[in-house]
Protein backbone atom coordinates (compact mmCIF):
# COMPACT_ATOMS: atom_id res chain seq x y z
CA MET A 1 -102.98 -29.16 -97.97
CA ILE A 2 -102.59 -32.80 -99.01
CA ASP A 3 -105.21 -35.19 -100.39
CA GLY A 4 -103.83 -38.65 -99.56
CA GLY A 5 -104.26 -42.12 -100.96
CA ARG A 6 -102.57 -41.60 -104.36
CA PRO A 7 -99.67 -43.80 -105.46
CA LEU A 8 -96.66 -41.67 -106.35
CA SER A 9 -94.56 -42.60 -109.36
CA GLY A 10 -91.81 -41.10 -111.50
CA THR A 11 -88.29 -39.80 -111.04
CA VAL A 12 -86.94 -37.22 -108.64
CA ARG A 13 -83.41 -35.89 -108.16
CA ALA A 14 -81.94 -35.71 -104.66
CA ALA A 15 -80.99 -32.19 -103.59
CA GLY A 16 -77.63 -31.26 -102.21
CA ASN A 17 -76.99 -32.16 -98.59
CA LYS A 18 -78.19 -29.44 -96.25
CA ASN A 19 -75.86 -30.59 -93.50
CA GLY A 20 -72.96 -30.55 -95.94
CA ALA A 21 -73.74 -27.17 -97.53
CA LEU A 22 -73.92 -25.33 -94.17
CA PRO A 23 -70.39 -26.13 -92.87
CA ILE A 24 -68.93 -25.79 -96.36
CA LEU A 25 -70.41 -22.30 -96.67
CA ALA A 26 -69.00 -21.45 -93.23
CA ALA A 27 -65.60 -22.78 -94.35
CA THR A 28 -65.44 -20.33 -97.28
CA VAL A 29 -64.36 -17.73 -94.66
CA LEU A 30 -61.04 -19.59 -94.57
CA ALA A 31 -60.45 -19.23 -98.35
CA SER A 32 -58.16 -16.46 -99.62
CA GLU A 33 -59.63 -16.73 -103.13
CA PRO A 34 -63.20 -16.94 -104.48
CA VAL A 35 -65.18 -20.18 -104.06
CA VAL A 36 -67.99 -21.41 -106.30
CA LEU A 37 -70.33 -24.04 -104.87
CA ALA A 38 -72.69 -26.11 -107.03
CA ASN A 39 -75.66 -28.29 -106.02
CA VAL A 40 -76.41 -26.06 -103.05
CA PRO A 41 -79.97 -26.73 -101.75
CA ARG A 42 -82.10 -23.61 -102.00
CA ILE A 43 -83.67 -23.91 -98.56
CA ARG A 44 -84.24 -21.44 -95.73
CA ASP A 45 -81.35 -22.59 -93.54
CA VAL A 46 -78.88 -22.25 -96.38
CA GLU A 47 -80.24 -18.83 -97.38
CA THR A 48 -79.77 -17.71 -93.78
CA MET A 49 -76.15 -18.90 -93.81
CA VAL A 50 -75.52 -16.95 -97.03
CA GLU A 51 -76.99 -13.87 -95.30
CA LEU A 52 -74.69 -14.45 -92.32
CA LEU A 53 -71.67 -14.55 -94.63
CA ALA A 54 -72.76 -11.32 -96.27
CA HIS A 55 -73.13 -9.73 -92.81
CA THR A 56 -69.48 -10.48 -92.07
CA GLY A 57 -68.43 -8.56 -95.18
CA ALA A 58 -68.07 -11.49 -97.58
CA ASP A 59 -69.30 -11.10 -101.14
CA ALA A 60 -71.82 -13.98 -101.02
CA GLU A 61 -74.47 -14.31 -103.67
CA TRP A 62 -76.61 -16.85 -105.50
CA THR A 63 -75.34 -17.06 -109.09
CA GLY A 64 -77.83 -19.77 -110.16
CA ARG A 65 -80.76 -21.66 -108.75
CA ASN A 66 -78.38 -23.99 -106.86
CA GLU A 67 -75.05 -22.19 -107.18
CA VAL A 68 -73.40 -19.82 -104.70
CA ARG A 69 -70.26 -17.74 -105.14
CA VAL A 70 -68.41 -16.53 -102.06
CA ASP A 71 -65.43 -14.18 -102.01
CA ALA A 72 -64.38 -13.79 -98.35
CA ALA A 73 -61.49 -11.37 -99.02
CA ASN A 74 -63.35 -8.46 -97.40
CA VAL A 75 -64.67 -10.23 -94.28
CA ASN A 76 -64.22 -7.52 -91.66
CA THR A 77 -65.92 -8.65 -88.46
CA TRP A 78 -65.84 -11.55 -86.07
CA GLU A 79 -69.14 -10.58 -84.48
CA LEU A 80 -72.21 -12.39 -85.87
CA ASP A 81 -75.71 -10.92 -86.17
CA PRO A 82 -77.89 -12.15 -83.25
CA GLU A 83 -81.13 -12.20 -85.21
CA LEU A 84 -79.70 -14.34 -88.00
CA CYS A 85 -78.04 -16.64 -85.49
CA ARG A 86 -81.37 -17.23 -83.79
CA GLN A 87 -82.75 -18.67 -87.00
CA ILE A 88 -80.32 -21.57 -87.44
CA ARG A 89 -78.15 -23.73 -85.20
CA ALA A 90 -75.51 -23.88 -87.96
CA SER A 91 -74.59 -20.27 -87.23
CA PHE A 92 -72.17 -21.67 -84.62
CA LEU A 93 -70.19 -23.27 -87.45
CA LEU A 94 -68.71 -19.86 -88.21
CA ALA A 95 -66.87 -19.88 -84.86
CA GLY A 96 -64.04 -22.13 -86.06
CA PRO A 97 -63.37 -20.26 -89.32
CA LEU A 98 -63.50 -16.83 -87.60
CA LEU A 99 -61.06 -18.00 -84.90
CA ALA A 100 -58.71 -19.31 -87.58
CA ARG A 101 -58.92 -16.04 -89.51
CA PHE A 102 -59.01 -13.38 -86.76
CA GLY A 103 -58.21 -15.14 -83.51
CA ARG A 104 -61.59 -13.81 -82.33
CA ALA A 105 -65.23 -14.82 -82.61
CA THR A 106 -68.37 -13.48 -80.97
CA VAL A 107 -71.24 -15.86 -81.61
CA PRO A 108 -74.75 -15.39 -80.10
CA PRO A 109 -76.61 -18.51 -78.94
CA PRO A 110 -77.75 -20.41 -82.04
CA GLY A 111 -81.33 -21.38 -82.91
CA GLY A 112 -82.52 -24.54 -84.71
CA ASP A 113 -84.94 -27.37 -84.15
CA VAL A 114 -86.42 -27.86 -80.66
CA ILE A 115 -85.74 -31.59 -80.39
CA GLY A 116 -84.07 -31.71 -77.01
CA ARG A 117 -80.84 -30.47 -75.50
CA ARG A 118 -78.15 -29.82 -78.12
CA ARG A 119 -74.80 -29.37 -76.42
CA LEU A 120 -72.15 -26.87 -77.51
CA ASP A 121 -69.70 -28.21 -74.91
CA THR A 122 -67.84 -30.34 -77.49
CA HIS A 123 -67.12 -27.27 -79.61
CA ILE A 124 -65.88 -25.25 -76.64
CA HIS A 125 -63.65 -28.11 -75.34
CA ALA A 126 -62.12 -28.55 -78.80
CA PHE A 127 -61.40 -24.83 -79.12
CA ALA A 128 -59.82 -24.81 -75.64
CA GLU A 129 -57.48 -27.64 -76.68
CA LEU A 130 -56.34 -25.46 -79.61
CA GLY A 131 -55.59 -22.54 -77.30
CA VAL A 132 -58.84 -20.58 -77.30
CA GLU A 133 -60.20 -18.74 -74.26
CA VAL A 134 -64.00 -18.72 -74.02
CA GLU A 135 -66.33 -16.54 -72.00
CA VAL A 136 -70.09 -16.95 -72.02
CA ASP A 137 -72.05 -13.79 -71.24
CA GLY A 138 -75.15 -13.84 -73.42
CA ALA A 139 -72.92 -14.51 -76.42
CA TYR A 140 -69.92 -16.84 -76.72
CA GLU A 141 -66.81 -14.59 -76.65
CA MET A 142 -63.81 -16.51 -77.98
CA ARG A 143 -60.26 -15.32 -78.50
CA THR A 144 -56.74 -16.68 -78.98
CA ASP A 145 -53.28 -15.33 -79.71
CA ARG A 146 -52.53 -18.39 -81.82
CA LEU A 147 -54.24 -21.65 -82.70
CA THR A 148 -51.81 -24.46 -81.98
CA GLY A 149 -52.17 -28.04 -83.17
CA THR A 150 -52.74 -30.68 -80.51
CA ARG A 151 -54.09 -34.15 -79.91
CA MET A 152 -57.70 -34.03 -78.74
CA TYR A 153 -60.38 -36.59 -77.94
CA LEU A 154 -63.93 -35.26 -78.36
CA ASP A 155 -66.22 -35.99 -75.38
CA GLU A 156 -68.92 -37.07 -77.88
CA ALA A 157 -68.89 -37.73 -81.64
CA SER A 158 -70.66 -34.45 -82.31
CA VAL A 159 -71.15 -33.67 -86.00
CA MET A 160 -70.89 -29.91 -85.69
CA GLY A 161 -68.28 -30.19 -82.95
CA THR A 162 -66.09 -32.24 -85.31
CA GLU A 163 -66.65 -29.75 -88.13
CA ASN A 164 -65.65 -26.79 -85.98
CA ALA A 165 -62.57 -28.60 -84.68
CA VAL A 166 -61.47 -29.41 -88.24
CA MET A 167 -62.13 -25.90 -89.55
CA ALA A 168 -60.19 -24.30 -86.68
CA SER A 169 -57.27 -26.70 -87.17
CA VAL A 170 -56.58 -26.41 -90.91
CA LEU A 171 -54.74 -23.08 -90.47
CA ALA A 172 -53.35 -23.84 -86.97
CA SER A 173 -49.64 -24.30 -86.47
CA GLY A 174 -48.47 -27.90 -86.37
CA GLU A 175 -50.49 -31.10 -86.39
CA THR A 176 -53.92 -31.71 -84.87
CA ILE A 177 -55.33 -35.18 -84.25
CA VAL A 178 -59.05 -35.35 -83.60
CA GLY A 179 -60.11 -38.59 -81.94
CA HIS A 180 -63.70 -39.80 -81.50
CA ALA A 181 -64.57 -37.66 -84.51
CA ALA A 182 -67.95 -37.98 -86.16
CA CYS A 183 -67.68 -39.24 -89.74
CA GLU A 184 -71.11 -38.74 -91.37
CA PRO A 185 -71.20 -38.22 -95.18
CA HIS A 186 -71.52 -34.45 -94.76
CA ILE A 187 -68.38 -34.32 -92.57
CA GLN A 188 -66.54 -36.24 -95.27
CA ASP A 189 -67.83 -33.70 -97.79
CA LEU A 190 -66.57 -30.78 -95.70
CA CYS A 191 -63.13 -32.40 -95.40
CA ARG A 192 -62.94 -33.01 -99.16
CA PHE A 193 -63.91 -29.38 -99.78
CA LEU A 194 -61.14 -28.17 -97.44
CA VAL A 195 -58.66 -30.42 -99.24
CA SER A 196 -59.75 -28.82 -102.55
CA LEU A 197 -58.71 -25.48 -101.02
CA GLY A 198 -55.30 -26.86 -100.09
CA ALA A 199 -55.83 -28.26 -96.57
CA GLN A 200 -54.01 -31.38 -95.46
CA ILE A 201 -56.45 -33.87 -93.85
CA ASP A 202 -55.91 -37.60 -93.46
CA GLY A 203 -58.40 -40.19 -92.21
CA ILE A 204 -61.46 -38.82 -94.00
CA GLY A 205 -64.37 -41.23 -93.34
CA SER A 206 -62.86 -42.58 -90.12
CA ASN A 207 -63.24 -41.48 -86.50
CA VAL A 208 -59.64 -40.24 -86.26
CA LEU A 209 -58.72 -37.19 -88.33
CA ARG A 210 -55.15 -35.96 -88.72
CA ILE A 211 -54.84 -32.33 -89.82
CA THR A 212 -51.54 -30.67 -90.69
CA GLY A 213 -51.87 -26.90 -90.59
CA VAL A 214 -51.05 -24.89 -93.67
CA ASP A 215 -50.28 -21.17 -94.11
CA ARG A 216 -53.19 -20.36 -96.40
CA LEU A 217 -56.09 -21.85 -98.33
CA GLY A 218 -56.94 -20.91 -101.89
CA GLY A 219 -60.19 -21.07 -103.81
CA SER A 220 -62.02 -23.78 -105.72
CA SER A 221 -65.16 -24.89 -107.52
CA TYR A 222 -66.88 -27.63 -105.57
CA ARG A 223 -70.09 -29.65 -105.88
CA ILE A 224 -72.02 -30.42 -102.70
CA GLY A 225 -72.82 -34.12 -102.30
CA PRO A 226 -76.38 -35.52 -102.34
CA ASP A 227 -78.60 -35.53 -99.26
CA HIS A 228 -78.93 -39.14 -98.08
CA ILE A 229 -81.62 -38.07 -95.57
CA GLU A 230 -83.74 -36.71 -98.42
CA VAL A 231 -83.07 -39.86 -100.48
CA ALA A 232 -84.42 -41.98 -97.60
CA SER A 233 -87.38 -39.64 -97.10
CA PHE A 234 -88.46 -40.08 -100.74
CA ALA A 235 -87.92 -43.85 -100.50
CA GLY A 236 -90.21 -43.95 -97.43
CA LEU A 237 -93.01 -41.94 -99.04
CA ALA A 238 -92.80 -44.02 -102.22
CA ALA A 239 -93.13 -47.23 -100.19
CA VAL A 240 -96.20 -46.13 -98.18
CA THR A 241 -98.02 -44.74 -101.22
CA GLY A 242 -97.41 -47.87 -103.34
CA GLY A 243 -95.97 -46.39 -106.53
CA GLU A 244 -92.59 -46.84 -108.22
CA VAL A 245 -90.18 -43.95 -107.66
CA THR A 246 -86.60 -43.58 -108.80
CA ILE A 247 -84.35 -41.17 -106.94
CA GLU A 248 -81.39 -39.93 -108.98
CA ASP A 249 -78.05 -38.39 -107.99
CA VAL A 250 -77.47 -40.78 -105.12
CA ARG A 251 -74.22 -41.85 -103.48
CA ALA A 252 -74.67 -45.54 -102.71
CA ASP A 253 -72.11 -45.58 -99.89
CA ASP A 254 -74.22 -43.02 -97.98
CA LEU A 255 -77.07 -45.56 -97.71
CA ILE A 256 -74.99 -48.24 -95.93
CA SER A 257 -77.07 -48.12 -92.73
CA ILE A 258 -80.37 -47.03 -94.31
CA VAL A 259 -80.96 -50.00 -96.61
CA PRO A 260 -80.86 -52.69 -93.83
CA ALA A 261 -83.00 -50.57 -91.49
CA PHE A 262 -85.64 -50.03 -94.20
CA ARG A 263 -85.51 -53.76 -94.96
CA LYS A 264 -86.73 -54.35 -91.38
CA LEU A 265 -89.85 -52.39 -92.40
CA GLY A 266 -90.31 -54.49 -95.54
CA ILE A 267 -88.96 -51.86 -97.92
CA GLU A 268 -86.91 -53.33 -100.77
CA LEU A 269 -84.66 -50.87 -102.62
CA ASP A 270 -82.84 -51.35 -105.89
CA VAL A 271 -79.58 -49.44 -105.40
CA SER A 272 -77.10 -48.63 -108.16
CA ASP A 273 -74.04 -46.40 -108.04
CA SER A 274 -76.07 -43.23 -108.66
CA ALA A 275 -79.76 -44.05 -108.25
CA VAL A 276 -82.27 -45.80 -105.98
CA THR A 277 -85.52 -47.31 -107.25
CA VAL A 278 -88.42 -48.16 -104.96
CA PRO A 279 -90.46 -50.81 -106.84
CA ALA A 280 -94.22 -50.48 -106.84
CA GLY A 281 -96.51 -52.53 -104.59
CA GLN A 282 -94.13 -53.06 -101.67
CA ASP A 283 -95.23 -55.68 -99.10
CA LEU A 284 -94.60 -53.59 -96.03
CA HIS A 285 -94.12 -55.92 -93.09
CA ILE A 286 -91.86 -55.90 -90.07
CA GLU A 287 -89.04 -58.44 -90.31
CA ASP A 288 -88.93 -60.12 -86.91
CA ASP A 289 -85.62 -60.87 -85.22
CA LEU A 290 -84.55 -64.48 -84.88
CA GLY A 291 -87.00 -66.48 -82.79
CA GLY A 292 -89.89 -64.21 -83.74
CA GLN A 293 -88.68 -61.43 -81.44
CA ILE A 294 -89.80 -57.81 -81.94
CA PRO A 295 -87.05 -56.00 -83.88
CA LYS A 296 -85.55 -52.66 -83.07
CA ILE A 297 -84.48 -49.72 -85.26
CA GLU A 298 -82.12 -47.54 -83.31
CA SER A 299 -80.22 -44.40 -84.24
CA GLY A 300 -76.60 -43.73 -83.51
CA ILE A 301 -73.43 -42.12 -84.74
CA TRP A 302 -72.40 -42.91 -88.30
CA PRO A 303 -72.44 -45.50 -89.75
CA ALA A 304 -75.42 -46.36 -87.56
CA PHE A 305 -78.96 -45.43 -88.64
CA PRO A 306 -79.20 -41.61 -88.77
CA ALA A 307 -81.14 -39.87 -86.01
CA ASP A 308 -82.65 -37.58 -88.65
CA LEU A 309 -84.53 -40.57 -90.06
CA THR A 310 -86.20 -41.93 -86.93
CA SER A 311 -89.28 -39.74 -87.54
CA ILE A 312 -89.51 -41.13 -91.06
CA ALA A 313 -89.08 -44.75 -89.81
CA VAL A 314 -91.90 -44.31 -87.28
CA THR A 315 -94.26 -43.07 -89.93
CA VAL A 316 -93.45 -45.87 -92.38
CA ALA A 317 -93.89 -48.43 -89.60
CA THR A 318 -97.52 -47.35 -89.13
CA GLN A 319 -98.16 -48.82 -92.58
CA ALA A 320 -96.17 -52.05 -92.10
CA ARG A 321 -97.60 -55.31 -90.82
CA GLY A 322 -96.19 -56.19 -87.38
CA THR A 323 -94.57 -54.47 -84.42
CA VAL A 324 -91.26 -52.62 -84.12
CA LEU A 325 -89.43 -50.62 -81.46
CA VAL A 326 -87.87 -47.38 -82.67
CA PHE A 327 -85.11 -46.12 -80.37
CA GLU A 328 -83.98 -42.50 -80.83
CA LYS A 329 -80.90 -42.26 -78.69
CA MET A 330 -79.74 -38.73 -79.37
CA PHE A 331 -82.52 -36.20 -78.81
CA GLU A 332 -85.11 -36.49 -76.08
CA SER A 333 -87.80 -34.44 -77.77
CA ARG A 334 -87.66 -35.71 -81.38
CA LEU A 335 -90.31 -38.40 -80.89
CA PHE A 336 -92.86 -36.12 -79.21
CA PHE A 337 -94.53 -35.54 -82.61
CA VAL A 338 -96.09 -39.04 -82.52
CA ASP A 339 -99.26 -37.68 -80.92
CA LYS A 340 -100.03 -36.20 -84.35
CA LEU A 341 -99.83 -39.70 -85.91
CA VAL A 342 -101.98 -41.13 -83.12
CA ALA A 343 -104.60 -38.47 -83.88
CA MET A 344 -104.62 -39.76 -87.49
CA GLY A 345 -105.25 -43.32 -86.26
CA ALA A 346 -101.77 -44.78 -85.75
CA ARG A 347 -101.18 -47.36 -83.01
CA ILE A 348 -98.11 -46.07 -81.21
CA ILE A 349 -96.96 -46.34 -77.58
CA LEU A 350 -94.59 -43.58 -76.47
CA CYS A 351 -92.55 -45.53 -73.91
CA ASP A 352 -90.34 -42.63 -72.86
CA PRO A 353 -88.68 -39.63 -74.56
CA HIS A 354 -86.44 -41.92 -76.62
CA ARG A 355 -88.51 -44.98 -77.53
CA VAL A 356 -91.77 -45.76 -79.27
CA VAL A 357 -93.46 -49.06 -80.14
CA VAL A 358 -95.39 -49.03 -83.41
CA THR A 359 -97.88 -51.71 -84.53
CA GLY A 360 -99.30 -51.65 -88.01
CA PRO A 361 -100.69 -51.43 -90.50
CA THR A 362 -103.24 -48.83 -89.50
CA ARG A 363 -105.74 -46.80 -91.49
CA LEU A 364 -104.71 -43.16 -91.26
CA LEU A 365 -107.27 -40.40 -91.69
CA GLY A 366 -106.60 -36.84 -92.79
CA GLU A 367 -106.04 -34.43 -89.95
CA ARG A 368 -104.99 -30.86 -89.08
CA LEU A 369 -101.30 -30.99 -88.16
CA GLU A 370 -98.50 -28.63 -87.11
CA SER A 371 -94.86 -29.22 -88.00
CA PRO A 372 -92.61 -28.95 -84.91
CA ASP A 373 -89.29 -29.49 -86.68
CA ILE A 374 -87.79 -30.31 -90.09
CA ARG A 375 -87.84 -34.12 -89.91
CA ALA A 376 -91.16 -34.43 -88.08
CA GLY A 377 -92.60 -32.10 -90.71
CA MET A 378 -91.49 -34.42 -93.49
CA ALA A 379 -92.85 -37.42 -91.51
CA MET A 380 -96.24 -35.67 -91.42
CA VAL A 381 -96.11 -35.14 -95.20
CA ILE A 382 -95.51 -38.86 -95.63
CA ALA A 383 -98.39 -39.73 -93.28
CA ALA A 384 -100.70 -37.32 -95.08
CA LEU A 385 -99.77 -38.79 -98.46
CA SER A 386 -100.76 -42.28 -97.26
CA ALA A 387 -103.89 -41.16 -95.33
CA GLU A 388 -107.51 -41.14 -96.47
CA GLY A 389 -108.92 -37.69 -97.04
CA ARG A 390 -107.38 -34.25 -96.69
CA SER A 391 -104.65 -33.24 -94.23
CA THR A 392 -103.58 -29.70 -93.53
CA ILE A 393 -100.05 -29.15 -92.26
CA GLY A 394 -99.25 -25.81 -90.57
CA ASN A 395 -95.90 -24.22 -89.77
CA ILE A 396 -94.46 -25.49 -93.05
CA GLY A 397 -91.58 -23.06 -92.72
CA GLN A 398 -89.94 -25.84 -90.70
CA ILE A 399 -90.18 -28.21 -93.68
CA ASP A 400 -88.85 -25.53 -96.04
CA ARG A 401 -85.76 -25.26 -93.82
CA GLY A 402 -84.67 -28.73 -94.94
CA TYR A 403 -86.47 -29.77 -98.15
CA GLU A 404 -86.20 -27.74 -101.31
CA ARG A 405 -89.48 -27.00 -103.16
CA ILE A 406 -90.98 -30.13 -101.64
CA ASP A 407 -94.55 -29.43 -102.83
CA GLU A 408 -93.44 -28.79 -106.43
CA ARG A 409 -91.34 -31.94 -106.57
CA LEU A 410 -94.06 -34.12 -105.02
CA ARG A 411 -96.63 -32.81 -107.53
CA ARG A 412 -94.35 -34.06 -110.33
CA LEU A 413 -94.68 -37.52 -108.78
CA GLY A 414 -98.47 -37.28 -108.79
CA ALA A 415 -99.18 -35.99 -105.29
CA SER A 416 -102.16 -33.71 -104.61
CA ILE A 417 -100.39 -31.04 -102.53
CA GLU A 418 -100.90 -27.31 -102.50
CA ARG A 419 -99.76 -24.32 -100.42
CA ALA A 420 -102.31 -21.95 -98.95
CA ASP A 421 -102.42 -19.06 -96.48
CA LEU A 422 -104.95 -20.01 -93.83
């Protein structure tokens, strides 16, 4: 329950990157010695991944609020628990490590957000290039006598597909070159973690990765990088509520496509090497393209604007003066949440599954809402914080999957937000 209309102000620290923590946790299966991970976000998806590791026989436990220790020496199965896999899409990230370790992997269909079709073809094609045979009969049954390095070109720059290809390749014989690789900050973080274990990976941060297989990987202590999606989410909510908020523990390079996109919405950010400040009293207005043309914010593969932030951009645009087209290229159901914003008073035209036109600013009124997925849930929180009156957001388990203790952290910034069983 959120009472809106209050400026938020103060300092908040960005949590560790969810999309970095999940593949890094999966990659601990490759380590022959214990691994200690710091800055791990304590969210539902990550807790489920830790449970999955424990189910395989790994000694996986939380040793602090945001610290996890994994000793994978006793991993004794390549078959994953179907119920746990249904809870998160990232369960499929264990396929690559299990294939590298056992030459076998049985992975039930993964769960995750319902935001449109989410292909696994890229993973399967990459595994096949490395010498894996795959059968699909309810679960994905994968096996190989030996993973062999090769040159592959991914059919799309899939984030998880790239991560699985890399994890399967680090212990393969010979050299693997992955072309058309995704290169988001969390993929870079995974590669750096694998290097800390002893892997040989060149081209980190580019769309061509060169992996030279090694005989074994050791252990390490590693700190998960900050979540640039959460940084941008906090910047958006600060801008629409009108207060000054500083977000700490930021990696400036991770904001390379976010800062110019937010500038189109009139958001000015003061970015240093490790912090972002959103000054109070932002003049939110749409920056027209040359000639007074309506501008466009469109998502794409890194370093384009992240698809995970299109929901946030749409919500901020409802409070900005002018008109903007938001083009979500990747998932055909992500923008279907906008009917909730329209019910609050927003002026939005849903052109098709991928595009919306937003005209603002509009006066939003508190409403009863349901969160359909992680990012739409956070967008609804932002809308509720800027609205007049009380909003009630249901199905908040979706938000908890991606944002750690969001209500507690927002209260520290002055938000009126409480949890309740209704």
